[in-house]
Amino acid sequence: METVNIHDAKTHLSRLLARVEAGEEIVIARAGRPVARLVPLRDDRAPRTPGGWEGHVWIAPDFDELPAELAAAFTGEDDA
């Protein structure tokens, strides 16, 4: 793992990112003190499977209906 200072990191960011994409880890330091680490991004999340809440959630039949008084409040027609 190599350590580079902030100025060099800004100057050579493209090169550093190429090395990180190849699997290397790079530490960025300010005045010799490590402040950040560049590491390859790994997407370890499993693909989403729809329907995970099926049978656990109930939605009212009138869920998509907006009551007139609420719609009026959103449009400013209800000044009461």
Protein backbone atom coordinates (compact mmCIF):
# COMPACT_ATOMS: atom_id res chain seq x y z
CA MET A 1 0.00 0.00 0.00
CA GLU A 2 1.56 3.28 -1.12
CA THR A 3 1.08 6.64 0.58
CA VAL A 4 0.90 9.82 -1.52
CA ASN A 5 0.45 13.42 -0.41
CA ILE A 6 -2.62 15.42 -1.37
CA HIS A 7 -0.82 17.50 -3.99
CA ASP A 8 0.46 14.39 -5.80
CA ALA A 9 -2.98 12.77 -5.51
CA LYS A 10 -4.60 15.79 -7.19
CA THR A 11 -1.89 15.94 -9.85
CA HIS A 12 -1.96 12.22 -10.68
CA LEU A 13 -5.54 11.25 -9.84
CA SER A 14 -6.15 9.46 -13.16
CA ARG A 15 -3.04 7.33 -12.72
CA LEU A 16 -3.89 6.56 -9.11
CA LEU A 17 -7.43 5.53 -10.08
CA ALA A 18 -6.04 3.20 -12.76
CA ARG A 19 -3.89 1.52 -10.12
CA VAL A 20 -6.85 1.26 -7.75
CA GLU A 21 -8.98 -0.30 -10.51
CA ALA A 22 -6.21 -2.89 -10.88
CA GLY A 23 -6.70 -3.81 -7.21
CA GLU A 24 -4.14 -1.64 -5.42
CA GLU A 25 -4.94 0.41 -2.31
CA ILE A 26 -3.48 3.92 -1.95
CA VAL A 27 -3.39 6.10 1.17
CA ILE A 28 -3.64 9.88 0.79
CA ALA A 29 -1.83 11.88 3.46
CA ARG A 30 -1.74 15.52 4.56
CA ALA A 31 1.62 16.56 6.02
CA GLY A 32 2.54 12.88 6.32
CA ARG A 33 -0.62 12.01 8.29
CA PRO A 34 -3.00 9.55 6.54
CA VAL A 35 -6.44 11.09 5.93
CA ALA A 36 -8.04 8.87 3.27
CA ARG A 37 -7.67 5.58 1.47
CA LEU A 38 -8.46 4.86 -2.18
CA VAL A 39 -9.72 1.31 -2.55
CA PRO A 40 -11.40 -0.56 -5.41
CA LEU A 41 -15.17 -0.38 -5.32
CA ARG A 42 -16.67 -3.79 -4.83
CA ASP A 43 -20.39 -4.25 -5.25
CA ASP A 44 -21.02 -7.26 -3.03
CA ARG A 45 -24.76 -6.70 -2.78
CA ALA A 46 -27.03 -9.46 -3.98
CA PRO A 47 -29.53 -8.55 -6.70
CA ARG A 48 -32.87 -7.38 -5.37
CA THR A 49 -35.70 -9.89 -5.38
CA PRO A 50 -39.14 -8.27 -5.64
CA GLY A 51 -41.90 -9.46 -3.36
CA GLY A 52 -39.95 -9.72 -0.12
CA TRP A 53 -42.75 -8.00 1.85
CA GLU A 54 -45.56 -9.96 0.20
CA GLY A 55 -48.04 -11.04 2.86
CA HIS A 56 -46.55 -8.64 5.45
CA VAL A 57 -47.97 -5.33 4.17
CA TRP A 58 -51.57 -4.33 3.57
CA ILE A 59 -52.51 -1.39 1.35
CA ALA A 60 -55.98 0.10 1.61
CA PRO A 61 -58.12 -0.14 -1.55
CA ASP A 62 -58.48 3.66 -1.63
CA PHE A 63 -54.72 4.29 -1.25
CA ASP A 64 -54.38 6.09 -4.60
CA GLU A 65 -57.42 8.32 -4.04
CA LEU A 66 -56.61 11.85 -2.82
CA PRO A 67 -59.39 13.41 -0.73
CA ALA A 68 -60.64 16.72 -2.18
CA GLU A 69 -59.91 18.67 1.02
CA LEU A 70 -56.31 17.46 1.04
CA ALA A 71 -55.85 18.35 -2.64
CA ALA A 72 -57.28 21.82 -1.89
CA ALA A 73 -54.78 22.26 0.97
CA PHE A 74 -51.89 21.48 -1.37
CA THR A 75 -53.07 23.97 -3.99
CA GLY A 76 -53.78 26.71 -1.46
CA GLU A 77 -57.51 26.70 -2.06
CA ASP A 78 -58.23 25.81 1.57
CA ASP A 79 -57.42 28.98 3.56
CA ALA A 80 -59.51 28.04 6.58
